[in-house]
Amino acid sequence: MPHIPVHPSAQKRHRQNLKRREHNRAARTQVRTAVKTAAEAISATDAGAAQEKLRAAISALDKAASKGKLHRNTTRRKIARLSAQFHKKHAQQAQQA
């Protein structure tokens, strides 16, 4: 059974926590979706589309980190891994474009 606060300040804190939880959850979902679409685009053959999706994912990750939704080291690690995947697969195509 979940804890139900009795004191008014505890009730308010509980309401605030629920709101923050929903905001954080939505932000993390958007980040996961952006990273997933970027990874799928990177594994495909089109370097231009992959670069676009990579930029969108980096933007989403940075935004989440700046708002405190994700830890900054987590976002840096995810960006580094996505970028490494991109450069490993599309290095020659990106230089020619």
N, C-alpha and C. Protein backbone atom coordinates (compact mmCIF):
# COMPACT_ATOMS: atom_id res chain seq x y z
N MET A 1 0.84 -1.19 0.00
CA MET A 1 0.00 0.00 0.00
C MET A 1 0.88 1.24 0.00
N PRO A 2 0.62 2.21 -0.87
CA PRO A 2 1.47 3.40 -0.93
C PRO A 2 1.27 4.29 0.28
N HIS A 3 2.31 5.02 0.56
CA HIS A 3 2.27 5.96 1.68
C HIS A 3 1.38 7.14 1.32
N ILE A 4 0.46 7.49 2.21
CA ILE A 4 -0.42 8.63 1.99
C ILE A 4 -0.06 9.70 3.02
N PRO A 5 0.42 10.86 2.56
CA PRO A 5 0.84 11.89 3.51
C PRO A 5 -0.35 12.48 4.27
N VAL A 6 -0.11 12.84 5.52
CA VAL A 6 -1.16 13.38 6.38
C VAL A 6 -1.01 14.88 6.54
N HIS A 7 0.22 15.33 6.72
CA HIS A 7 0.48 16.75 6.95
C HIS A 7 0.29 17.53 5.65
N PRO A 8 -0.28 18.73 5.73
CA PRO A 8 -0.53 19.50 4.49
C PRO A 8 0.72 19.77 3.65
N SER A 9 1.83 20.04 4.30
CA SER A 9 3.06 20.29 3.53
C SER A 9 3.54 19.00 2.86
N ALA A 10 3.33 17.88 3.52
CA ALA A 10 3.69 16.59 2.92
C ALA A 10 2.77 16.26 1.75
N GLN A 11 1.51 16.64 1.87
CA GLN A 11 0.57 16.43 0.76
C GLN A 11 0.97 17.25 -0.46
N LYS A 12 1.36 18.50 -0.22
CA LYS A 12 1.80 19.35 -1.32
C LYS A 12 3.07 18.79 -1.95
N ARG A 13 4.02 18.36 -1.11
CA ARG A 13 5.26 17.80 -1.62
C ARG A 13 4.97 16.56 -2.47
N HIS A 14 4.01 15.75 -2.05
CA HIS A 14 3.63 14.55 -2.80
C HIS A 14 3.05 14.94 -4.17
N ARG A 15 2.20 15.95 -4.20
CA ARG A 15 1.64 16.42 -5.48
C ARG A 15 2.75 16.93 -6.40
N GLN A 16 3.69 17.69 -5.84
CA GLN A 16 4.80 18.20 -6.64
C GLN A 16 5.64 17.07 -7.19
N ASN A 17 5.90 16.06 -6.37
CA ASN A 17 6.70 14.92 -6.82
C ASN A 17 6.01 14.17 -7.95
N LEU A 18 4.70 14.02 -7.86
CA LEU A 18 3.97 13.34 -8.94
C LEU A 18 4.06 14.12 -10.24
N LYS A 19 3.93 15.44 -10.16
CA LYS A 19 4.03 16.27 -11.37
C LYS A 19 5.43 16.17 -11.97
N ARG A 20 6.45 16.27 -11.12
CA ARG A 20 7.83 16.20 -11.60
C ARG A 20 8.12 14.83 -12.22
N ARG A 21 7.56 13.81 -11.61
CA ARG A 21 7.76 12.46 -12.13
C ARG A 21 7.22 12.34 -13.54
N GLU A 22 6.04 12.90 -13.77
CA GLU A 22 5.45 12.85 -15.12
C GLU A 22 6.27 13.65 -16.13
N HIS A 23 6.74 14.83 -15.71
CA HIS A 23 7.57 15.65 -16.60
C HIS A 23 8.86 14.92 -16.97
N ASN A 24 9.51 14.34 -15.95
CA ASN A 24 10.76 13.63 -16.18
C ASN A 24 10.54 12.42 -17.07
N ARG A 25 9.45 11.72 -16.83
CA ARG A 25 9.14 10.52 -17.60
C ARG A 25 8.91 10.86 -19.07
N ALA A 26 8.16 11.93 -19.31
CA ALA A 26 7.90 12.35 -20.70
C ALA A 26 9.20 12.75 -21.39
N ALA A 27 10.06 13.47 -20.68
CA ALA A 27 11.32 13.91 -21.27
C ALA A 27 12.21 12.72 -21.61
N ARG A 28 12.29 11.76 -20.69
CA ARG A 28 13.11 10.58 -20.94
C ARG A 28 12.57 9.77 -22.11
N THR A 29 11.25 9.71 -22.24
CA THR A 29 10.64 8.99 -23.35
C THR A 29 11.01 9.64 -24.68
N GLN A 30 10.96 10.97 -24.73
CA GLN A 30 11.33 11.68 -25.95
C GLN A 30 12.79 11.44 -26.31
N VAL A 31 13.65 11.43 -25.31
CA VAL A 31 15.07 11.20 -25.54
C VAL A 31 15.30 9.80 -26.07
N ARG A 32 14.66 8.81 -25.44
CA ARG A 32 14.81 7.43 -25.89
C ARG A 32 14.36 7.26 -27.33
N THR A 33 13.25 7.90 -27.68
CA THR A 33 12.74 7.81 -29.04
C THR A 33 13.72 8.44 -30.02
N ALA A 34 14.25 9.60 -29.68
CA ALA A 34 15.20 10.28 -30.56
C ALA A 34 16.46 9.44 -30.76
N VAL A 35 16.96 8.85 -29.69
CA VAL A 35 18.17 8.02 -29.78
C VAL A 35 17.89 6.78 -30.61
N LYS A 36 16.73 6.19 -30.42
CA LYS A 36 16.37 4.98 -31.15
C LYS A 36 16.25 5.27 -32.65
N THR A 37 15.58 6.36 -33.03
CA THR A 37 15.46 6.70 -34.45
C THR A 37 16.81 7.04 -35.05
N ALA A 38 17.68 7.68 -34.27
CA ALA A 38 19.02 8.00 -34.76
C ALA A 38 19.81 6.71 -35.00
N ALA A 39 19.71 5.77 -34.08
CA ALA A 39 20.44 4.50 -34.24
C ALA A 39 19.93 3.74 -35.46
N GLU A 40 18.63 3.76 -35.68
CA GLU A 40 18.06 3.09 -36.85
C GLU A 40 18.52 3.77 -38.13
N ALA A 41 18.55 5.11 -38.13
CA ALA A 41 18.98 5.84 -39.32
C ALA A 41 20.47 5.61 -39.59
N ILE A 42 21.25 5.49 -38.53
CA ILE A 42 22.69 5.25 -38.70
C ILE A 42 22.92 3.87 -39.32
N SER A 43 22.13 2.89 -38.90
CA SER A 43 22.32 1.55 -39.44
C SER A 43 21.82 1.44 -40.88
N ALA A 44 21.01 2.40 -41.34
CA ALA A 44 20.55 2.42 -42.73
C ALA A 44 21.67 2.95 -43.63
N THR A 45 21.37 3.08 -44.91
CA THR A 45 22.43 3.44 -45.86
C THR A 45 22.55 4.94 -46.12
N ASP A 46 21.51 5.72 -45.85
CA ASP A 46 21.51 7.14 -46.19
C ASP A 46 22.26 7.96 -45.13
N ALA A 47 23.40 8.51 -45.50
CA ALA A 47 24.22 9.27 -44.54
C ALA A 47 23.58 10.60 -44.18
N GLY A 48 22.91 11.24 -45.14
CA GLY A 48 22.28 12.53 -44.87
C GLY A 48 21.18 12.42 -43.84
N ALA A 49 20.33 11.44 -44.01
CA ALA A 49 19.25 11.23 -43.04
C ALA A 49 19.81 10.84 -41.68
N ALA A 50 20.85 10.04 -41.68
CA ALA A 50 21.47 9.63 -40.43
C ALA A 50 22.06 10.83 -39.70
N GLN A 51 22.67 11.74 -40.45
CA GLN A 51 23.26 12.93 -39.82
C GLN A 51 22.17 13.82 -39.23
N GLU A 52 21.05 13.95 -39.93
CA GLU A 52 19.92 14.73 -39.42
C GLU A 52 19.39 14.14 -38.12
N LYS A 53 19.17 12.84 -38.11
CA LYS A 53 18.63 12.16 -36.92
C LYS A 53 19.64 12.22 -35.77
N LEU A 54 20.92 12.15 -36.10
CA LEU A 54 21.95 12.26 -35.07
C LEU A 54 21.91 13.64 -34.42
N ARG A 55 21.79 14.67 -35.23
CA ARG A 55 21.69 16.03 -34.68
C ARG A 55 20.48 16.18 -33.79
N ALA A 56 19.34 15.62 -34.21
CA ALA A 56 18.11 15.70 -33.40
C ALA A 56 18.29 14.98 -32.07
N ALA A 57 18.95 13.83 -32.11
CA ALA A 57 19.17 13.06 -30.89
C ALA A 57 20.11 13.81 -29.94
N ILE A 58 21.16 14.41 -30.50
CA ILE A 58 22.10 15.18 -29.68
C ILE A 58 21.39 16.37 -29.04
N SER A 59 20.54 17.02 -29.80
CA SER A 59 19.78 18.15 -29.28
C SER A 59 18.86 17.71 -28.14
N ALA A 60 18.16 16.60 -28.33
CA ALA A 60 17.26 16.10 -27.29
C ALA A 60 18.02 15.71 -26.03
N LEU A 61 19.17 15.07 -26.21
CA LEU A 61 19.98 14.67 -25.06
C LEU A 61 20.51 15.89 -24.30
N ASP A 62 21.00 16.87 -25.05
CA ASP A 62 21.53 18.08 -24.39
C ASP A 62 20.43 18.84 -23.65
N LYS A 63 19.26 18.89 -24.26
CA LYS A 63 18.14 19.58 -23.62
C LYS A 63 17.74 18.88 -22.32
N ALA A 64 17.70 17.56 -22.35
CA ALA A 64 17.35 16.80 -21.15
C ALA A 64 18.40 16.99 -20.06
N ALA A 65 19.67 17.05 -20.45
CA ALA A 65 20.74 17.25 -19.47
C ALA A 65 20.68 18.65 -18.87
N SER A 66 20.40 19.63 -19.71
CA SER A 66 20.37 21.01 -19.20
C SER A 66 19.21 21.24 -18.25
N LYS A 67 18.14 20.48 -18.40
CA LYS A 67 16.99 20.61 -17.51
C LYS A 67 17.06 19.67 -16.31
N GLY A 68 18.12 18.87 -16.25
CA GLY A 68 18.30 17.99 -15.11
C GLY A 68 17.50 16.70 -15.20
N LYS A 69 17.00 16.36 -16.36
CA LYS A 69 16.22 15.13 -16.52
C LYS A 69 17.14 13.92 -16.61
N LEU A 70 18.32 14.11 -17.18
CA LEU A 70 19.33 13.06 -17.27
C LEU A 70 20.65 13.65 -16.78
N HIS A 71 21.52 12.79 -16.28
CA HIS A 71 22.83 13.25 -15.83
C HIS A 71 23.67 13.63 -17.05
N ARG A 72 24.48 14.66 -16.90
CA ARG A 72 25.25 15.14 -18.05
C ARG A 72 26.24 14.11 -18.57
N ASN A 73 26.81 13.30 -17.68
CA ASN A 73 27.74 12.27 -18.15
C ASN A 73 27.02 11.19 -18.95
N THR A 74 25.79 10.91 -18.57
CA THR A 74 24.99 9.94 -19.31
C THR A 74 24.76 10.44 -20.73
N THR A 75 24.41 11.70 -20.86
CA THR A 75 24.15 12.25 -22.19
C THR A 75 25.43 12.30 -23.01
N ARG A 76 26.53 12.67 -22.39
CA ARG A 76 27.81 12.71 -23.11
C ARG A 76 28.18 11.32 -23.62
N ARG A 77 27.98 10.30 -22.78
CA ARG A 77 28.30 8.93 -23.16
C ARG A 77 27.43 8.47 -24.33
N LYS A 78 26.14 8.77 -24.27
CA LYS A 78 25.23 8.37 -25.35
C LYS A 78 25.58 9.08 -26.65
N ILE A 79 25.91 10.37 -26.56
CA ILE A 79 26.29 11.13 -27.75
C ILE A 79 27.57 10.57 -28.35
N ALA A 80 28.54 10.25 -27.50
CA ALA A 80 29.81 9.72 -27.99
C ALA A 80 29.60 8.39 -28.70
N ARG A 81 28.75 7.54 -28.14
CA ARG A 81 28.52 6.23 -28.75
C ARG A 81 27.78 6.36 -30.08
N LEU A 82 26.78 7.23 -30.12
CA LEU A 82 26.05 7.44 -31.37
C LEU A 82 26.97 8.02 -32.45
N SER A 83 27.79 8.99 -32.06
CA SER A 83 28.71 9.61 -33.02
C SER A 83 29.72 8.60 -33.54
N ALA A 84 30.22 7.76 -32.65
CA ALA A 84 31.18 6.74 -33.07
C ALA A 84 30.54 5.77 -34.06
N GLN A 85 29.30 5.38 -33.79
CA GLN A 85 28.58 4.50 -34.73
C GLN A 85 28.42 5.18 -36.08
N PHE A 86 28.05 6.45 -36.04
CA PHE A 86 27.83 7.20 -37.27
C PHE A 86 29.12 7.28 -38.08
N HIS A 87 30.22 7.64 -37.43
CA HIS A 87 31.48 7.81 -38.15
C HIS A 87 32.05 6.48 -38.64
N LYS A 88 31.79 5.44 -37.89
CA LYS A 88 32.26 4.13 -38.32
C LYS A 88 31.55 3.68 -39.59
N LYS A 89 30.26 3.97 -39.67
CA LYS A 89 29.47 3.49 -40.81
C LYS A 89 29.49 4.46 -42.00
N HIS A 90 29.45 5.78 -41.72
CA HIS A 90 29.25 6.76 -42.78
C HIS A 90 30.42 7.74 -42.92
N ALA A 91 31.61 7.37 -42.55
CA ALA A 91 32.74 8.30 -42.58
C ALA A 91 33.03 8.81 -43.99
N GLN A 92 33.10 7.91 -44.95
CA GLN A 92 33.43 8.32 -46.32
C GLN A 92 32.28 9.10 -46.94
N GLN A 93 31.04 8.66 -46.72
CA GLN A 93 29.88 9.33 -47.33
C GLN A 93 29.70 10.74 -46.78
N ALA A 94 29.97 10.93 -45.49
CA ALA A 94 29.80 12.24 -44.89
C ALA A 94 30.85 13.22 -45.42
N GLN A 95 32.08 12.74 -45.68
CA GLN A 95 33.13 13.61 -46.20
C GLN A 95 32.85 14.02 -47.65
N GLN A 96 32.27 13.15 -48.43
CA GLN A 96 31.98 13.45 -49.82
C GLN A 96 30.81 14.41 -49.97
N ALA A 97 29.88 14.39 -49.02
CA ALA A 97 28.69 15.24 -49.13
C ALA A 97 28.97 16.68 -48.81
